[in-house]
Amino acid sequence: LIAVWHRPYYCSEAGYSHESLREEIEPLLVSAGVDLVVTGHEHGYERIHPVVNFTVQAHPLAREIGGRVEDVYVNPRAPAYLMIGNGGAAQVEK
């Protein structure tokens, strides 16, 4: 199950995380079994392990898939987060 919205509530950039949104929505995501949350807004890329209330719930495990070893999450208890806001804004450097 994947959830998508604009502004992240887990983000390393100061001022872009939304604590009140996280407190309201996060319990719903966990109880619904959401696997992945995709956000944007901040013009960069971050990925975060499955987390609840800023506490990591799972780390990937090495598994052989199709002859290759891949790092995968096995039944995490919380969604992983992707912030992929790489494009869309004019970046002016001075």
C-alpha atoms as a PDB file:
ATOM      1  CA  LEU A   1       0.000   0.000   0.000  1.00  0.00           C
ATOM      2  CA  ILE A   2       1.456   3.397  -1.034  1.00  0.00           C
ATOM      3  CA  ALA A   3       0.447   6.859   0.206  1.00  0.00           C
ATOM      4  CA  VAL A   4       1.391  10.021  -1.699  1.00  0.00           C
ATOM      5  CA  TRP A   5       1.130  13.698  -0.749  1.00  0.00           C
ATOM      6  CA  HIS A   6       3.008  16.936  -1.241  1.00  0.00           C
ATOM      7  CA  ARG A   7       4.805  18.045   1.956  1.00  0.00           C
ATOM      8  CA  PRO A   8       6.935  15.610   3.974  1.00  0.00           C
ATOM      9  CA  TYR A   9       6.704  15.226   7.704  1.00  0.00           C
ATOM     10  CA  TYR A  10      10.053  13.485   7.905  1.00  0.00           C
ATOM     11  CA  CYS A  11      12.703  15.682   6.306  1.00  0.00           C
ATOM     12  CA  SER A  12      16.227  16.750   7.254  1.00  0.00           C
ATOM     13  CA  GLU A  13      15.671  20.307   5.996  1.00  0.00           C
ATOM     14  CA  ALA A  14      14.771  22.583   8.920  1.00  0.00           C
ATOM     15  CA  GLY A  15      11.264  23.990   8.711  1.00  0.00           C
ATOM     16  CA  TYR A  16       9.841  21.446   6.241  1.00  0.00           C
ATOM     17  CA  SER A  17       8.715  18.736   8.644  1.00  0.00           C
ATOM     18  CA  HIS A  18       5.113  19.030   9.824  1.00  0.00           C
ATOM     19  CA  GLU A  19       4.814  17.745  13.380  1.00  0.00           C
ATOM     20  CA  SER A  20       1.059  18.313  13.690  1.00  0.00           C
ATOM     21  CA  LEU A  21       0.397  16.464  10.411  1.00  0.00           C
ATOM     22  CA  ARG A  22       2.645  13.599  11.502  1.00  0.00           C
ATOM     23  CA  GLU A  23       0.850  13.270  14.853  1.00  0.00           C
ATOM     24  CA  GLU A  24      -2.554  13.082  13.103  1.00  0.00           C
ATOM     25  CA  ILE A  25      -1.717  10.910  10.096  1.00  0.00           C
ATOM     26  CA  GLU A  26       1.030   8.549  11.219  1.00  0.00           C
ATOM     27  CA  PRO A  27      -1.182   6.307  13.418  1.00  0.00           C
ATOM     28  CA  LEU A  28      -3.582   5.906  10.479  1.00  0.00           C
ATOM     29  CA  LEU A  29      -0.747   4.894   8.131  1.00  0.00           C
ATOM     30  CA  VAL A  30       0.551   2.307  10.582  1.00  0.00           C
ATOM     31  CA  SER A  31      -2.883   0.834  11.332  1.00  0.00           C
ATOM     32  CA  ALA A  32      -3.704   0.647   7.606  1.00  0.00           C
ATOM     33  CA  GLY A  33      -0.440  -1.183   6.869  1.00  0.00           C
ATOM     34  CA  VAL A  34       0.974   1.448   4.493  1.00  0.00           C
ATOM     35  CA  ASP A  35       4.330   0.240   3.116  1.00  0.00           C
ATOM     36  CA  LEU A  36       5.614   3.428   1.491  1.00  0.00           C
ATOM     37  CA  VAL A  37       4.962   7.177   1.759  1.00  0.00           C
ATOM     38  CA  VAL A  38       6.085   9.315  -1.197  1.00  0.00           C
ATOM     39  CA  THR A  39       6.315  13.098  -0.791  1.00  0.00           C
ATOM     40  CA  GLY A  40       7.924  16.050  -2.531  1.00  0.00           C
ATOM     41  CA  HIS A  41       7.987  19.801  -1.829  1.00  0.00           C
ATOM     42  CA  GLU A  42      11.618  20.070  -0.710  1.00  0.00           C
ATOM     43  CA  HIS A  43      13.805  20.046  -3.833  1.00  0.00           C
ATOM     44  CA  GLY A  44      15.992  17.096  -3.044  1.00  0.00           C
ATOM     45  CA  TYR A  45      15.897  13.356  -2.433  1.00  0.00           C
ATOM     46  CA  GLU A  46      15.773  11.524   0.883  1.00  0.00           C
ATOM     47  CA  ARG A  47      14.811   8.012   1.846  1.00  0.00           C
ATOM     48  CA  ILE A  48      14.076   6.950   5.371  1.00  0.00           C
ATOM     49  CA  HIS A  49      13.797   3.495   6.928  1.00  0.00           C
ATOM     50  CA  PRO A  50      10.356   2.465   8.175  1.00  0.00           C
ATOM     51  CA  VAL A  51       9.818   4.797  11.119  1.00  0.00           C
ATOM     52  CA  VAL A  52       7.206   5.742  13.728  1.00  0.00           C
ATOM     53  CA  ASN A  53       7.567   8.825  15.906  1.00  0.00           C
ATOM     54  CA  PHE A  54      11.178   9.317  14.726  1.00  0.00           C
ATOM     55  CA  THR A  55      12.102   5.749  15.761  1.00  0.00           C
ATOM     56  CA  VAL A  56      13.326   3.308  13.103  1.00  0.00           C
ATOM     57  CA  GLN A  57      11.174   0.162  13.090  1.00  0.00           C
ATOM     58  CA  ALA A  58      13.068  -1.978  10.535  1.00  0.00           C
ATOM     59  CA  HIS A  59      16.323  -2.224   8.602  1.00  0.00           C
ATOM     60  CA  PRO A  60      16.690  -3.953   5.230  1.00  0.00           C
ATOM     61  CA  LEU A  61      17.920  -7.528   5.130  1.00  0.00           C
ATOM     62  CA  ALA A  62      20.133  -9.053   2.441  1.00  0.00           C
ATOM     63  CA  ARG A  63      18.153 -11.523   0.308  1.00  0.00           C
ATOM     64  CA  GLU A  64      19.060 -13.326  -2.895  1.00  0.00           C
ATOM     65  CA  ILE A  65      16.631 -12.340  -5.630  1.00  0.00           C
ATOM     66  CA  GLY A  66      17.121 -13.627  -9.168  1.00  0.00           C
ATOM     67  CA  GLY A  67      20.767 -14.500  -8.533  1.00  0.00           C
ATOM     68  CA  ARG A  68      21.574 -11.083  -7.029  1.00  0.00           C
ATOM     69  CA  VAL A  69      21.743 -10.050  -3.408  1.00  0.00           C
ATOM     70  CA  GLU A  70      19.288  -7.229  -2.719  1.00  0.00           C
ATOM     71  CA  ASP A  71      18.558  -5.306   0.478  1.00  0.00           C
ATOM     72  CA  VAL A  72      14.830  -5.626   1.201  1.00  0.00           C
ATOM     73  CA  TYR A  73      12.442  -4.917   4.058  1.00  0.00           C
ATOM     74  CA  VAL A  74      10.625  -7.983   5.344  1.00  0.00           C
ATOM     75  CA  ASN A  75       7.255  -7.156   6.918  1.00  0.00           C
ATOM     76  CA  PRO A  76       8.178  -3.766   8.379  1.00  0.00           C
ATOM     77  CA  ARG A  77       5.844  -2.464  11.094  1.00  0.00           C
ATOM     78  CA  ALA A  78       5.757   1.028   9.595  1.00  0.00           C
ATOM     79  CA  PRO A  79       6.011   2.754   6.207  1.00  0.00           C
ATOM     80  CA  ALA A  80       9.322   3.702   4.608  1.00  0.00           C
ATOM     81  CA  TYR A  81       9.506   7.294   3.344  1.00  0.00           C
ATOM     82  CA  LEU A  82      10.724   8.777   0.056  1.00  0.00           C
ATOM     83  CA  MET A  83      10.984  12.517  -0.464  1.00  0.00           C
ATOM     84  CA  ILE A  84      11.528  12.994  -4.189  1.00  0.00           C
ATOM     85  CA  GLY A  85      11.107  16.680  -4.949  1.00  0.00           C
ATOM     86  CA  ASN A  86      14.126  16.905  -7.248  1.00  0.00           C
ATOM     87  CA  GLY A  87      12.583  18.856 -10.088  1.00  0.00           C
ATOM     88  CA  GLY A  88      10.257  21.722 -10.678  1.00  0.00           C
ATOM     89  CA  ALA A  89      11.814  24.794  -9.094  1.00  0.00           C
ATOM     90  CA  ALA A  90      14.109  27.346 -10.608  1.00  0.00           C
ATOM     91  CA  GLN A  91      17.361  27.096  -8.664  1.00  0.00           C
ATOM     92  CA  VAL A  92      19.182  30.418  -8.806  1.00  0.00           C
ATOM     93  CA  GLU A  93      22.705  30.494  -7.435  1.00  0.00           C
ATOM     94  CA  LYS A  94      24.494  33.758  -6.777  1.00  0.00           C
END
